[in-house]
């Protein structure tokens, strides 16, 4: 788990130093319930255990709260307090392989939920193109592709982020 954590921290560090990544991340944060209800998407602060604040204030404080060291330390605590890590792998690097990995994760997540086991993505190493082959080599995957990295274990539940209804996202006509 420590080796995977090293890759997570490398990936997180690279993402935190990427202005485009950070701008997109911040655009998805819903700083209070009003924003979450208005948008019905994104990362609600209540779902991460952070306090709700007016958006104008939260944006100003974010540079003090969302730091590279703080995030890396948080991921260290999360991984070290988890029961384990699962890596979902595509049998091949194509759409069918990616869907197969996603379906395997979906079955895992649903079963874990039924058993009261929490899970959370740690995808930084597979989101950074230079790290994906390194973690694949470390895991001895050969031509297979790591697509999702998930920590799991027992833990308290946080409120979920709000989501738009399916009819608002998919046109049924």
Protein backbone atom coordinates (compact mmCIF):
# COMPACT_ATOMS: atom_id res chain seq x y z
CA UNK A 1 0.00 0.00 0.00
CA UNK A 2 2.91 2.36 0.70
CA UNK A 3 4.24 1.86 -2.83
CA UNK A 4 0.83 2.72 -4.32
CA UNK A 5 0.65 5.70 -1.96
CA UNK A 6 4.00 6.91 -3.36
CA UNK A 7 2.47 6.90 -6.85
CA UNK A 8 -0.67 8.66 -5.56
CA UNK A 9 1.46 11.39 -3.97
CA UNK A 10 3.56 11.79 -7.13
CA UNK A 11 0.39 12.12 -9.22
CA UNK A 12 -1.29 14.45 -6.75
CA UNK A 13 1.79 16.67 -6.63
CA UNK A 14 1.85 16.89 -10.43
CA UNK A 15 -1.86 17.71 -10.54
CA UNK A 16 -1.60 20.34 -7.79
CA UNK A 17 1.18 22.04 -9.76
CA UNK A 18 -0.86 22.08 -13.00
CA UNK A 19 -2.77 25.38 -13.26
CA UNK A 20 -5.28 23.95 -15.77
CA UNK A 21 -6.04 20.98 -13.52
CA UNK A 22 -6.47 23.22 -10.48
CA UNK A 23 -8.75 25.64 -12.36
CA UNK A 24 -10.98 22.75 -13.45
CA UNK A 25 -10.99 21.23 -9.95
CA UNK A 26 -12.00 24.53 -8.37
CA UNK A 27 -14.73 25.02 -10.98
CA UNK A 28 -16.33 21.78 -9.76
CA UNK A 29 -16.31 22.62 -6.05
CA UNK A 30 -19.70 23.57 -4.61
CA UNK A 31 -18.79 25.66 -1.57
CA UNK A 32 -22.21 25.57 0.07
CA UNK A 33 -25.59 23.86 -0.14
CA UNK A 34 -27.09 26.66 -2.24
CA UNK A 35 -24.46 26.13 -4.95
CA UNK A 36 -24.90 22.35 -4.79
CA UNK A 37 -28.69 22.61 -5.11
CA UNK A 38 -28.44 25.13 -7.95
CA UNK A 39 -25.97 23.04 -9.98
CA UNK A 40 -26.89 19.47 -8.94
CA UNK A 41 -23.37 18.32 -9.76
CA UNK A 42 -19.80 18.81 -8.66
CA UNK A 43 -17.95 18.24 -5.41
CA UNK A 44 -20.07 19.42 -2.50
CA UNK A 45 -17.98 20.57 0.47
CA UNK A 46 -20.40 18.83 2.82
CA UNK A 47 -19.44 15.56 1.10
CA UNK A 48 -15.79 16.08 1.95
CA UNK A 49 -16.36 17.08 5.56
CA UNK A 50 -15.40 20.70 4.94
CA UNK A 51 -17.45 23.65 6.20
CA UNK A 52 -19.92 25.41 3.93
CA UNK A 53 -18.95 29.01 3.18
CA UNK A 54 -20.10 31.79 0.87
CA UNK A 55 -18.40 31.21 -2.49
CA UNK A 56 -16.66 34.61 -2.48
CA UNK A 57 -15.03 33.81 0.87
CA UNK A 58 -14.28 30.15 0.09
CA UNK A 59 -12.46 31.07 -3.15
CA UNK A 60 -10.23 33.50 -1.23
CA UNK A 61 -9.47 30.96 1.51
CA UNK A 62 -8.94 28.04 -0.86
CA UNK A 63 -5.27 28.84 -1.50
CA UNK A 64 -4.65 28.36 2.23
CA UNK A 65 -6.77 25.21 2.60
CA UNK A 66 -6.04 23.38 -0.67
CA UNK A 67 -2.26 22.99 -0.60
CA UNK A 68 0.05 20.39 -2.08
CA UNK A 69 1.41 19.36 1.32
CA UNK A 70 -2.03 19.30 2.92
CA UNK A 71 -3.51 17.17 0.15
CA UNK A 72 -0.54 14.78 0.12
CA UNK A 73 -0.73 14.42 3.91
CA UNK A 74 -4.48 13.78 3.63
CA UNK A 75 -3.95 11.04 1.05
CA UNK A 76 -1.29 9.49 3.29
CA UNK A 77 -3.77 9.38 6.19
CA UNK A 78 -6.51 8.01 3.95
CA UNK A 79 -4.40 5.19 2.52
CA UNK A 80 -2.82 4.24 5.83
CA UNK A 81 -6.24 4.04 7.51
CA UNK A 82 -7.73 1.91 4.72
CA UNK A 83 -8.08 -1.86 4.82
CA UNK A 84 -6.71 -2.22 1.31
CA UNK A 85 -6.31 -0.95 -2.22
CA UNK A 86 -7.80 -2.46 -5.37
CA UNK A 87 -6.52 -1.72 -8.87
CA UNK A 88 -8.97 -2.29 -11.71
CA UNK A 89 -7.21 -3.24 -14.90
CA UNK A 90 -8.27 -3.25 -18.55
CA UNK A 91 -7.40 -6.47 -20.36
CA UNK A 92 -6.38 -4.25 -23.28
CA UNK A 93 -6.11 -0.54 -24.03
CA UNK A 94 -9.31 0.01 -26.00
CA UNK A 95 -12.89 1.10 -25.34
CA UNK A 96 -14.08 -2.45 -24.65
CA UNK A 97 -11.24 -2.94 -22.15
CA UNK A 98 -11.99 0.35 -20.41
CA UNK A 99 -15.67 -0.57 -20.13
CA UNK A 100 -14.72 -3.99 -18.71
CA UNK A 101 -12.59 -2.33 -16.02
CA UNK A 102 -15.39 0.12 -15.21
CA UNK A 103 -17.94 -2.66 -14.94
CA UNK A 104 -15.64 -4.63 -12.62
CA UNK A 105 -15.30 -1.55 -10.39
CA UNK A 106 -19.06 -0.99 -10.48
CA UNK A 107 -19.70 -4.56 -9.24
CA UNK A 108 -17.03 -4.11 -6.56
CA UNK A 109 -18.49 -0.79 -5.38
CA UNK A 110 -22.04 -2.11 -5.26
CA UNK A 111 -21.04 -5.22 -3.31
CA UNK A 112 -18.86 -3.17 -0.96
CA UNK A 113 -21.77 -0.80 -0.31
CA UNK A 114 -24.05 -3.73 0.50
CA UNK A 115 -21.45 -4.92 3.03
CA UNK A 116 -21.03 -1.47 4.62
CA UNK A 117 -17.55 -1.05 3.16
CA UNK A 118 -16.63 2.42 1.92
CA UNK A 119 -14.49 3.02 -1.16
CA UNK A 120 -12.88 6.04 -2.76
CA UNK A 121 -10.87 6.59 -5.91
CA UNK A 122 -7.13 7.32 -5.79
CA UNK A 123 -6.76 7.88 -9.51
CA UNK A 124 -3.88 10.35 -9.65
CA UNK A 125 -1.35 7.74 -10.91
CA UNK A 126 -3.59 6.68 -13.80
CA UNK A 127 -4.62 10.23 -14.69
CA UNK A 128 -0.99 11.30 -15.23
CA UNK A 129 0.20 9.77 -18.50
CA UNK A 130 3.84 9.46 -17.36
CA UNK A 131 2.85 7.57 -14.17
CA UNK A 132 0.42 5.05 -15.67
CA UNK A 133 3.17 2.92 -17.30
CA UNK A 134 5.27 3.13 -14.12
CA UNK A 135 2.49 1.78 -11.93
CA UNK A 136 1.70 -0.89 -14.56
CA UNK A 137 5.35 -1.99 -14.47
CA UNK A 138 5.37 -1.99 -10.66
CA UNK A 139 2.28 -4.21 -10.65
CA UNK A 140 3.68 -6.49 -13.38
CA UNK A 141 0.68 -5.95 -15.66
CA UNK A 142 2.43 -6.47 -18.99
CA UNK A 143 0.16 -5.16 -21.77
CA UNK A 144 -2.80 -4.72 -19.42
CA UNK A 145 -3.67 -1.17 -18.34
CA UNK A 146 -4.41 0.08 -14.82
CA UNK A 147 -7.55 2.21 -15.04
CA UNK A 148 -8.92 2.72 -11.54
CA UNK A 149 -7.25 2.68 -8.14
CA UNK A 150 -9.56 2.43 -5.15
CA UNK A 151 -9.00 2.40 -1.41
CA UNK A 152 -11.52 0.57 0.71
CA UNK A 153 -12.38 -0.16 4.33
CA UNK A 154 -14.74 0.64 7.15
CA UNK A 155 -15.44 4.26 7.92
CA UNK A 156 -18.04 6.84 8.63
CA UNK A 157 -20.40 7.98 5.93
CA UNK A 158 -20.52 11.53 4.59
CA UNK A 159 -23.48 13.09 2.77
CA UNK A 160 -23.35 12.35 -0.97
CA UNK A 161 -22.88 15.05 -3.58
CA UNK A 162 -26.11 15.97 -5.34
CA UNK A 163 -26.68 14.74 -8.89
CA UNK A 164 -29.00 15.83 -11.67
CA UNK A 165 -31.81 13.43 -12.58
CA UNK A 166 -31.06 11.09 -15.49
CA UNK A 167 -33.67 12.86 -17.63
CA UNK A 168 -31.68 16.10 -17.31
CA UNK A 169 -28.55 14.41 -18.67
CA UNK A 170 -29.80 11.88 -21.24
CA UNK A 171 -32.31 12.70 -23.95
CA UNK A 172 -34.76 9.79 -24.06
CA UNK A 173 -36.38 10.85 -27.35
